[in-house]
PDB file of all heavy atoms in Angstrom:
ATOM      1  N   ASN A   1       0.863  -1.180   0.000  1.00  0.00           N
ATOM      2  CA  ASN A   1       0.000   0.000   0.000  1.00  0.00           C
ATOM      3  C   ASN A   1       0.901   1.231   0.000  1.00  0.00           C
ATOM      4  O   ASN A   1       1.679   1.446   0.940  1.00  0.00           O
ATOM      5  CB  ASN A   1      -0.907  -0.003   1.227  1.00  0.00           C
ATOM      6  CG  ASN A   1      -1.910  -1.134   1.194  1.00  0.00           C
ATOM      7  OD1 ASN A   1      -2.729  -1.226   0.299  1.00  0.00           O
ATOM      8  ND2 ASN A   1      -1.830  -2.026   2.167  1.00  0.00           N
ATOM      9  N   LEU A   2       0.784   2.031  -1.055  1.00  0.00           N
ATOM     10  CA  LEU A   2       1.708   3.145  -1.256  1.00  0.00           C
ATOM     11  C   LEU A   2       0.963   4.470  -1.257  1.00  0.00           C
ATOM     12  O   LEU A   2      -0.099   4.597  -1.886  1.00  0.00           O
ATOM     13  CB  LEU A   2       2.464   2.973  -2.579  1.00  0.00           C
ATOM     14  CG  LEU A   2       3.264   1.670  -2.699  1.00  0.00           C
ATOM     15  CD1 LEU A   2       2.594   0.758  -3.723  1.00  0.00           C
ATOM     16  CD2 LEU A   2       4.698   1.930  -3.090  1.00  0.00           C
ATOM     17  N   ARG A   3       1.550   5.437  -0.567  1.00  0.00           N
ATOM     18  CA  ARG A   3       0.972   6.781  -0.484  1.00  0.00           C
ATOM     19  C   ARG A   3       1.980   7.781  -1.035  1.00  0.00           C
ATOM     20  O   ARG A   3       3.174   7.714  -0.741  1.00  0.00           O
ATOM     21  CB  ARG A   3       0.632   7.098   0.972  1.00  0.00           C
ATOM     22  CG  ARG A   3       0.165   8.531   1.218  1.00  0.00           C
ATOM     23  CD  ARG A   3      -0.329   8.697   2.639  1.00  0.00           C
ATOM     24  NE  ARG A   3      -1.475   7.832   2.888  1.00  0.00           N
ATOM     25  CZ  ARG A   3      -2.089   7.741   4.061  1.00  0.00           C
ATOM     26  NH1 ARG A   3      -1.636   8.427   5.084  1.00  0.00           N
ATOM     27  NH2 ARG A   3      -3.122   6.934   4.206  1.00  0.00           N
ATOM     28  N   ASP A   4       1.469   8.725  -1.821  1.00  0.00           N
ATOM     29  CA  ASP A   4       2.328   9.750  -2.415  1.00  0.00           C
ATOM     30  C   ASP A   4       2.756  10.747  -1.337  1.00  0.00           C
ATOM     31  O   ASP A   4       1.916  11.382  -0.694  1.00  0.00           O
ATOM     32  CB  ASP A   4       1.559  10.477  -3.519  1.00  0.00           C
ATOM     33  CG  ASP A   4       2.463  11.390  -4.336  1.00  0.00           C
ATOM     34  OD1 ASP A   4       3.633  11.554  -3.948  1.00  0.00           O
ATOM     35  OD2 ASP A   4       2.002  11.935  -5.347  1.00  0.00           O
ATOM     36  N   ILE A   5       4.056  10.841  -1.117  1.00  0.00           N
ATOM     37  CA  ILE A   5       4.579  11.789  -0.131  1.00  0.00           C
ATOM     38  C   ILE A   5       5.499  12.798  -0.808  1.00  0.00           C
ATOM     39  O   ILE A   5       6.371  13.385  -0.161  1.00  0.00           O
ATOM     40  CB  ILE A   5       5.318  11.063   1.012  1.00  0.00           C
ATOM     41  CG1 ILE A   5       6.461  10.196   0.456  1.00  0.00           C
ATOM     42  CG2 ILE A   5       4.352  10.219   1.839  1.00  0.00           C
ATOM     43  CD1 ILE A   5       7.365   9.631   1.547  1.00  0.00           C
ATOM     44  N   SER A   6       5.302  13.000  -2.113  1.00  0.00           N
ATOM     45  CA  SER A   6       6.165  13.926  -2.851  1.00  0.00           C
ATOM     46  C   SER A   6       6.086  15.330  -2.275  1.00  0.00           C
ATOM     47  O   SER A   6       7.102  16.003  -2.091  1.00  0.00           O
ATOM     48  CB  SER A   6       5.779  13.938  -4.331  1.00  0.00           C
ATOM     49  OG  SER A   6       5.952  12.665  -4.915  1.00  0.00           O
ATOM     50  N   GLU A   7       4.867  15.792  -1.981  1.00  0.00           N
ATOM     51  CA  GLU A   7       4.714  17.141  -1.441  1.00  0.00           C
ATOM     52  C   GLU A   7       5.367  17.242  -0.068  1.00  0.00           C
ATOM     53  O   GLU A   7       5.985  18.261   0.258  1.00  0.00           O
ATOM     54  CB  GLU A   7       3.234  17.507  -1.364  1.00  0.00           C
ATOM     55  CG  GLU A   7       2.570  17.676  -2.719  1.00  0.00           C
ATOM     56  CD  GLU A   7       1.139  18.155  -2.594  1.00  0.00           C
ATOM     57  OE1 GLU A   7       0.682  18.368  -1.449  1.00  0.00           O
ATOM     58  OE2 GLU A   7       0.478  18.317  -3.637  1.00  0.00           O
ATOM     59  N   ARG A   8       5.215  16.189   0.735  1.00  0.00           N
ATOM     60  CA  ARG A   8       5.844  16.207   2.051  1.00  0.00           C
ATOM     61  C   ARG A   8       7.363  16.240   1.930  1.00  0.00           C
ATOM     62  O   ARG A   8       8.039  16.974   2.650  1.00  0.00           O
ATOM     63  CB  ARG A   8       5.410  14.981   2.853  1.00  0.00           C
ATOM     64  CG  ARG A   8       5.802  15.038   4.322  1.00  0.00           C
ATOM     65  CD  ARG A   8       5.363  13.797   5.042  1.00  0.00           C
ATOM     66  NE  ARG A   8       6.311  12.703   4.833  1.00  0.00           N
ATOM     67  CZ  ARG A   8       6.096  11.460   5.239  1.00  0.00           C
ATOM     68  NH1 ARG A   8       4.948  11.135   5.814  1.00  0.00           N
ATOM     69  NH2 ARG A   8       7.004  10.519   5.045  1.00  0.00           N
ATOM     70  N   LYS A   9       7.897  15.430   1.004  1.00  0.00           N
ATOM     71  CA  LYS A   9       9.340  15.421   0.788  1.00  0.00           C
ATOM     72  C   LYS A   9       9.830  16.786   0.311  1.00  0.00           C
ATOM     73  O   LYS A   9      10.882  17.278   0.742  1.00  0.00           O
ATOM     74  CB  LYS A   9       9.699  14.346  -0.242  1.00  0.00           C
ATOM     75  CG  LYS A   9       9.647  12.924   0.285  1.00  0.00           C
ATOM     76  CD  LYS A   9      10.840  12.649   1.176  1.00  0.00           C
ATOM     77  CE  LYS A   9      10.918  11.184   1.555  1.00  0.00           C
ATOM     78  NZ  LYS A   9      12.083  10.888   2.416  1.00  0.00           N
ATOM     79  N   GLN A  10       9.057  17.405  -0.583  1.00  0.00           N
ATOM     80  CA  GLN A  10       9.440  18.723  -1.078  1.00  0.00           C
ATOM     81  C   GLN A  10       9.430  19.754   0.050  1.00  0.00           C
ATOM     82  O   GLN A  10      10.316  20.610   0.140  1.00  0.00           O
ATOM     83  CB  GLN A  10       8.508  19.146  -2.203  1.00  0.00           C
ATOM     84  CG  GLN A  10       8.661  18.321  -3.466  1.00  0.00           C
ATOM     85  CD  GLN A  10       7.586  18.627  -4.495  1.00  0.00           C
ATOM     86  OE1 GLN A  10       6.732  19.490  -4.284  1.00  0.00           O
ATOM     87  NE2 GLN A  10       7.611  17.902  -5.615  1.00  0.00           N
ATOM     88  N   ALA A  11       8.394  19.643   0.913  1.00  0.00           N
ATOM     89  CA  ALA A  11       8.311  20.574   2.041  1.00  0.00           C
ATOM     90  C   ALA A  11       9.476  20.363   3.007  1.00  0.00           C
ATOM     91  O   ALA A  11      10.066  21.332   3.507  1.00  0.00           O
ATOM     92  CB  ALA A  11       6.980  20.391   2.769  1.00  0.00           C
ATOM     93  N   GLU A  12       9.813  19.094   3.264  1.00  0.00           N
ATOM     94  CA  GLU A  12      10.935  18.798   4.151  1.00  0.00           C
ATOM     95  C   GLU A  12      12.244  19.313   3.552  1.00  0.00           C
ATOM     96  O   GLU A  12      13.081  19.887   4.259  1.00  0.00           O
ATOM     97  CB  GLU A  12      11.025  17.295   4.402  1.00  0.00           C
ATOM     98  CG  GLU A  12       9.886  16.745   5.239  1.00  0.00           C
ATOM     99  CD  GLU A  12       9.921  15.233   5.338  1.00  0.00           C
ATOM    100  OE1 GLU A  12      10.760  14.610   4.626  1.00  0.00           O
ATOM    101  OE2 GLU A  12       9.131  14.659   6.100  1.00  0.00           O
ATOM    102  N   ALA A  13      12.412  19.080   2.246  1.00  0.00           N
ATOM    103  CA  ALA A  13      13.632  19.552   1.587  1.00  0.00           C
ATOM    104  C   ALA A  13      13.720  21.075   1.621  1.00  0.00           C
ATOM    105  O   ALA A  13      14.808  21.648   1.798  1.00  0.00           O
ATOM    106  CB  ALA A  13      13.677  19.050   0.146  1.00  0.00           C
ATOM    107  N   LEU A  14      12.544  21.726   1.463  1.00  0.00           N
ATOM    108  CA  LEU A  14      12.536  23.189   1.506  1.00  0.00           C
ATOM    109  C   LEU A  14      12.918  23.705   2.891  1.00  0.00           C
ATOM    110  O   LEU A  14      13.683  24.668   3.023  1.00  0.00           O
ATOM    111  CB  LEU A  14      11.148  23.708   1.112  1.00  0.00           C
ATOM    112  CG  LEU A  14      10.969  25.230   1.088  1.00  0.00           C
ATOM    113  CD1 LEU A  14      11.934  25.857   0.090  1.00  0.00           C
ATOM    114  CD2 LEU A  14       9.529  25.586   0.744  1.00  0.00           C
ATOM    115  N   LEU A  15      12.402  23.031   3.929  1.00  0.00           N
ATOM    116  CA  LEU A  15      12.745  23.435   5.293  1.00  0.00           C
ATOM    117  C   LEU A  15      14.234  23.250   5.553  1.00  0.00           C
ATOM    118  O   LEU A  15      14.883  24.115   6.170  1.00  0.00           O
ATOM    119  CB  LEU A  15      11.925  22.623   6.302  1.00  0.00           C
ATOM    120  CG  LEU A  15      10.425  22.947   6.369  1.00  0.00           C
ATOM    121  CD1 LEU A  15       9.721  21.974   7.313  1.00  0.00           C
ATOM    122  CD2 LEU A  15      10.201  24.389   6.830  1.00  0.00           C
ATOM    123  N   VAL A  16      14.767  22.115   5.097  1.00  0.00           N
ATOM    124  CA  VAL A  16      16.203  21.871   5.273  1.00  0.00           C
ATOM    125  C   VAL A  16      17.008  22.913   4.513  1.00  0.00           C
ATOM    126  O   VAL A  16      18.010  23.453   5.016  1.00  0.00           O
ATOM    127  CB  VAL A  16      16.569  20.446   4.802  1.00  0.00           C
ATOM    128  CG1 VAL A  16      18.075  20.255   4.788  1.00  0.00           C
ATOM    129  CG2 VAL A  16      15.915  19.410   5.707  1.00  0.00           C
ATOM    130  N   HIS A  17      16.571  23.220   3.292  1.00  0.00           N
ATOM    131  CA  HIS A  17      17.287  24.215   2.481  1.00  0.00           C
ATOM    132  C   HIS A  17      17.283  25.578   3.171  1.00  0.00           C
ATOM    133  O   HIS A  17      18.320  26.257   3.236  1.00  0.00           O
ATOM    134  CB  HIS A  17      16.628  24.314   1.106  1.00  0.00           C
ATOM    135  CG  HIS A  17      17.311  25.269   0.176  1.00  0.00           C
ATOM    136  ND1 HIS A  17      18.406  24.917  -0.586  1.00  0.00           N
ATOM    137  CD2 HIS A  17      17.072  26.588  -0.090  1.00  0.00           C
ATOM    138  CE1 HIS A  17      18.807  25.955  -1.292  1.00  0.00           C
ATOM    139  NE2 HIS A  17      18.008  26.983  -1.014  1.00  0.00           N
ATOM    140  N   ARG A  18      16.112  25.960   3.695  1.00  0.00           N
ATOM    141  CA  ARG A  18      16.011  27.258   4.347  1.00  0.00           C
ATOM    142  C   ARG A  18      16.859  27.309   5.616  1.00  0.00           C
ATOM    143  O   ARG A  18      17.370  28.377   5.987  1.00  0.00           O
ATOM    144  CB  ARG A  18      14.555  27.571   4.676  1.00  0.00           C
ATOM    145  CG  ARG A  18      13.727  27.900   3.441  1.00  0.00           C
ATOM    146  CD  ARG A  18      12.275  28.126   3.802  1.00  0.00           C
ATOM    147  NE  ARG A  18      11.500  28.541   2.628  1.00  0.00           N
ATOM    148  CZ  ARG A  18      10.177  28.721   2.637  1.00  0.00           C
ATOM    149  NH1 ARG A  18       9.488  28.519   3.765  1.00  0.00           N
ATOM    150  NH2 ARG A  18       9.552  29.095   1.548  1.00  0.00           N
ATOM    151  N   ALA A  19      16.964  26.152   6.277  1.00  0.00           N
ATOM    152  CA  ALA A  19      17.763  26.118   7.502  1.00  0.00           C
ATOM    153  C   ALA A  19      19.249  26.233   7.215  1.00  0.00           C
ATOM    154  O   ALA A  19      20.031  26.617   8.105  1.00  0.00           O
ATOM    155  CB  ALA A  19      17.478  24.837   8.276  1.00  0.00           C
ATOM    156  N   LEU A  20      19.684  25.933   5.994  1.00  0.00           N
ATOM    157  CA  LEU A  20      21.110  25.889   5.670  1.00  0.00           C
ATOM    158  C   LEU A  20      21.522  26.930   4.632  1.00  0.00           C
ATOM    159  O   LEU A  20      22.684  26.965   4.234  1.00  0.00           O
ATOM    160  CB  LEU A  20      21.477  24.494   5.151  1.00  0.00           C
ATOM    161  CG  LEU A  20      21.264  23.340   6.135  1.00  0.00           C
ATOM    162  CD1 LEU A  20      21.565  22.013   5.460  1.00  0.00           C
ATOM    163  CD2 LEU A  20      22.132  23.523   7.385  1.00  0.00           C
ATOM    164  N   HIS A  21      20.574  27.755   4.181  1.00  0.00           N
ATOM    165  CA  HIS A  21      20.904  28.736   3.135  1.00  0.00           C
ATOM    166  C   HIS A  21      20.408  30.124   3.516  1.00  0.00           C
ATOM    167  O   HIS A  21      19.416  30.274   4.241  1.00  0.00           O
ATOM    168  CB  HIS A  21      20.293  28.327   1.787  1.00  0.00           C
ATOM    169  CG  HIS A  21      20.933  27.126   1.176  1.00  0.00           C
ATOM    170  ND1 HIS A  21      20.649  25.849   1.596  1.00  0.00           N
ATOM    171  CD2 HIS A  21      21.869  27.004   0.184  1.00  0.00           C
ATOM    172  CE1 HIS A  21      21.364  24.980   0.892  1.00  0.00           C
ATOM    173  NE2 HIS A  21      22.111  25.655   0.031  1.00  0.00           N
ATOM    174  N   ASP A  22      21.100  31.093   2.992  1.00  0.00           N
ATOM    175  CA  ASP A  22      20.715  32.490   3.183  1.00  0.00           C
ATOM    176  C   ASP A  22      19.471  32.771   2.335  1.00  0.00           C
ATOM    177  O   ASP A  22      19.477  32.508   1.130  1.00  0.00           O
ATOM    178  CB  ASP A  22      21.873  33.392   2.755  1.00  0.00           C
ATOM    179  CG  ASP A  22      21.464  34.851   2.679  1.00  0.00           C
ATOM    180  OD1 ASP A  22      20.879  35.329   3.664  1.00  0.00           O
ATOM    181  OD2 ASP A  22      21.715  35.493   1.643  1.00  0.00           O
ATOM    182  N   PRO A  23      18.398  33.292   2.911  1.00  0.00           N
ATOM    183  CA  PRO A  23      17.155  33.482   2.147  1.00  0.00           C
ATOM    184  C   PRO A  23      17.263  34.519   1.031  1.00  0.00           C
ATOM    185  O   PRO A  23      16.505  34.453   0.062  1.00  0.00           O
ATOM    186  CB  PRO A  23      16.148  33.921   3.221  1.00  0.00           C
ATOM    187  CG  PRO A  23      16.972  34.467   4.337  1.00  0.00           C
ATOM    188  CD  PRO A  23      18.242  33.686   4.324  1.00  0.00           C
ATOM    189  N   LEU A  24      18.192  35.487   1.152  1.00  0.00           N
ATOM    190  CA  LEU A  24      18.308  36.530   0.130  1.00  0.00           C
ATOM    191  C   LEU A  24      19.108  36.054  -1.081  1.00  0.00           C
ATOM    192  O   LEU A  24      18.639  36.134  -2.221  1.00  0.00           O
ATOM    193  CB  LEU A  24      18.952  37.779   0.734  1.00  0.00           C
ATOM    194  CG  LEU A  24      19.224  38.929  -0.249  1.00  0.00           C
ATOM    195  CD1 LEU A  24      17.916  39.440  -0.836  1.00  0.00           C
ATOM    196  CD2 LEU A  24      20.005  40.065   0.441  1.00  0.00           C
ATOM    197  N   THR A  25      20.308  35.552  -0.859  1.00  0.00           N
ATOM    198  CA  THR A  25      21.203  35.184  -1.968  1.00  0.00           C
ATOM    199  C   THR A  25      21.142  33.698  -2.311  1.00  0.00           C
ATOM    200  O   THR A  25      21.705  33.288  -3.324  1.00  0.00           O
ATOM    201  CB  THR A  25      22.649  35.540  -1.607  1.00  0.00           C
ATOM    202  OG1 THR A  25      23.035  34.770  -0.458  1.00  0.00           O
ATOM    203  CG2 THR A  25      22.775  37.022  -1.275  1.00  0.00           C
ATOM    204  N   ASN A  26      20.503  32.906  -1.465  1.00  0.00           N
ATOM    205  CA  ASN A  26      20.427  31.446  -1.629  1.00  0.00           C
ATOM    206  C   ASN A  26      21.795  30.777  -1.495  1.00  0.00           C
ATOM    207  O   ASN A  26      21.986  29.623  -1.907  1.00  0.00           O
ATOM    208  CB  ASN A  26      19.796  31.070  -2.978  1.00  0.00           C
ATOM    209  CG  ASN A  26      19.152  29.692  -2.940  1.00  0.00           C
ATOM    210  OD1 ASN A  26      18.610  29.271  -1.907  1.00  0.00           O
ATOM    211  ND2 ASN A  26      19.224  28.959  -4.045  1.00  0.00           N
ATOM    212  N   LEU A  27      22.754  31.487  -0.924  1.00  0.00           N
ATOM    213  CA  LEU A  27      24.067  30.903  -0.653  1.00  0.00           C
ATOM    214  C   LEU A  27      24.030  30.144   0.671  1.00  0.00           C
ATOM    215  O   LEU A  27      23.169  30.413   1.524  1.00  0.00           O
ATOM    216  CB  LEU A  27      25.122  32.012  -0.564  1.00  0.00           C
ATOM    217  CG  LEU A  27      25.447  32.788  -1.842  1.00  0.00           C
ATOM    218  CD1 LEU A  27      26.446  33.895  -1.518  1.00  0.00           C
ATOM    219  CD2 LEU A  27      25.982  31.868  -2.922  1.00  0.00           C
ATOM    220  N   PRO A  28      24.952  29.207   0.876  1.00  0.00           N
ATOM    221  CA  PRO A  28      25.029  28.535   2.185  1.00  0.00           C
ATOM    222  C   PRO A  28      25.207  29.559   3.309  1.00  0.00           C
ATOM    223  O   PRO A  28      25.948  30.547   3.156  1.00  0.00           O
ATOM    224  CB  PRO A  28      26.263  27.640   2.038  1.00  0.00           C
ATOM    225  CG  PRO A  28      26.360  27.358   0.580  1.00  0.00           C
ATOM    226  CD  PRO A  28      25.911  28.628  -0.102  1.00  0.00           C
ATOM    227  N   ASN A  29      24.519  29.310   4.446  1.00  0.00           N
ATOM    228  CA  ASN A  29      24.668  30.204   5.592  1.00  0.00           C
ATOM    229  C   ASN A  29      25.803  29.717   6.497  1.00  0.00           C
ATOM    230  O   ASN A  29      26.541  28.793   6.137  1.00  0.00           O
ATOM    231  CB  ASN A  29      23.348  30.335   6.348  1.00  0.00           C
ATOM    232  CG  ASN A  29      22.864  28.996   6.894  1.00  0.00           C
ATOM    233  OD1 ASN A  29      23.599  28.015   6.946  1.00  0.00           O
ATOM    234  ND2 ASN A  29      21.610  28.964   7.313  1.00  0.00           N
ATOM    235  N   ARG A  30      25.913  30.323   7.678  1.00  0.00           N
ATOM    236  CA  ARG A  30      27.030  29.996   8.564  1.00  0.00           C
ATOM    237  C   ARG A  30      27.035  28.514   8.933  1.00  0.00           C
ATOM    238  O   ARG A  30      28.092  27.872   8.941  1.00  0.00           O
ATOM    239  CB  ARG A  30      26.976  30.849   9.829  1.00  0.00           C
ATOM    240  CG  ARG A  30      28.090  30.550  10.824  1.00  0.00           C
ATOM    241  CD  ARG A  30      27.974  31.429  12.051  1.00  0.00           C
ATOM    242  NE  ARG A  30      28.215  32.830  11.720  1.00  0.00           N
ATOM    243  CZ  ARG A  30      29.411  33.397  11.681  1.00  0.00           C
ATOM    244  NH1 ARG A  30      30.495  32.661  11.952  1.00  0.00           N
ATOM    245  NH2 ARG A  30      29.548  34.664  11.391  1.00  0.00           N
ATOM    246  N   THR A  31      25.840  27.944   9.249  1.00  0.00           N
ATOM    247  CA  THR A  31      25.771  26.537   9.653  1.00  0.00           C
ATOM    248  C   THR A  31      26.314  25.618   8.566  1.00  0.00           C
ATOM    249  O   THR A  31      27.121  24.713   8.828  1.00  0.00           O
ATOM    250  CB  THR A  31      24.319  26.153   9.974  1.00  0.00           C
ATOM    251  OG1 THR A  31      23.823  26.989  11.022  1.00  0.00           O
ATOM    252  CG2 THR A  31      24.225  24.691  10.396  1.00  0.00           C
ATOM    253  N   MET A  32      25.896  25.884   7.321  1.00  0.00           N
ATOM    254  CA  MET A  32      26.323  25.015   6.226  1.00  0.00           C
ATOM    255  C   MET A  32      27.797  25.255   5.876  1.00  0.00           C
ATOM    256  O   MET A  32      28.528  24.313   5.534  1.00  0.00           O
ATOM    257  CB  MET A  32      25.447  25.248   4.999  1.00  0.00           C
ATOM    258  CG  MET A  32      25.638  24.212   3.903  1.00  0.00           C
ATOM    259  SD  MET A  32      24.387  24.367   2.617  1.00  0.00           S
ATOM    260  CE  MET A  32      24.816  22.980   1.575  1.00  0.00           C
ATOM    261  N   ILE A  33      28.238  26.507   5.960  1.00  0.00           N
ATOM    262  CA  ILE A  33      29.642  26.807   5.666  1.00  0.00           C
ATOM    263  C   ILE A  33      30.561  26.109   6.666  1.00  0.00           C
ATOM    264  O   ILE A  33      31.618  25.557   6.300  1.00  0.00           O
ATOM    265  CB  ILE A  33      29.875  28.331   5.667  1.00  0.00           C
ATOM    266  CG1 ILE A  33      29.384  28.923   4.340  1.00  0.00           C
ATOM    267  CG2 ILE A  33      31.339  28.675   5.860  1.00  0.00           C
ATOM    268  CD1 ILE A  33      30.162  28.461   3.116  1.00  0.00           C
ATOM    269  N   LEU A  34      30.187  26.106   7.940  1.00  0.00           N
ATOM    270  CA  LEU A  34      30.995  25.412   8.939  1.00  0.00           C
ATOM    271  C   LEU A  34      31.068  23.915   8.634  1.00  0.00           C
ATOM    272  O   LEU A  34      32.130  23.294   8.768  1.00  0.00           O
ATOM    273  CB  LEU A  34      30.415  25.644  10.339  1.00  0.00           C
ATOM    274  CG  LEU A  34      30.651  27.028  10.936  1.00  0.00           C
ATOM    275  CD1 LEU A  34      29.853  27.206  12.224  1.00  0.00           C
ATOM    276  CD2 LEU A  34      32.151  27.243  11.217  1.00  0.00           C
ATOM    277  N   ASP A  35      29.928  23.339   8.203  1.00  0.00           N
ATOM    278  CA  ASP A  35      29.930  21.916   7.851  1.00  0.00           C
ATOM    279  C   ASP A  35      30.816  21.660   6.638  1.00  0.00           C
ATOM    280  O   ASP A  35      31.603  20.698   6.614  1.00  0.00           O
ATOM    281  CB  ASP A  35      28.492  21.459   7.574  1.00  0.00           C
ATOM    282  CG  ASP A  35      28.421  19.994   7.182  1.00  0.00           C
ATOM    283  OD1 ASP A  35      28.635  19.133   8.057  1.00  0.00           O
ATOM    284  OD2 ASP A  35      28.168  19.713   5.994  1.00  0.00           O
TER     285      ASP A  35
END
């Protein structure tokens, strides 16, 4: 039994991206640069 979670995955990826990137320039932020 399979359920489409594409939107959820996209939302999760977007949250992760926002947590690791500068919202203005879309460049990595301090957290990602340190990693």
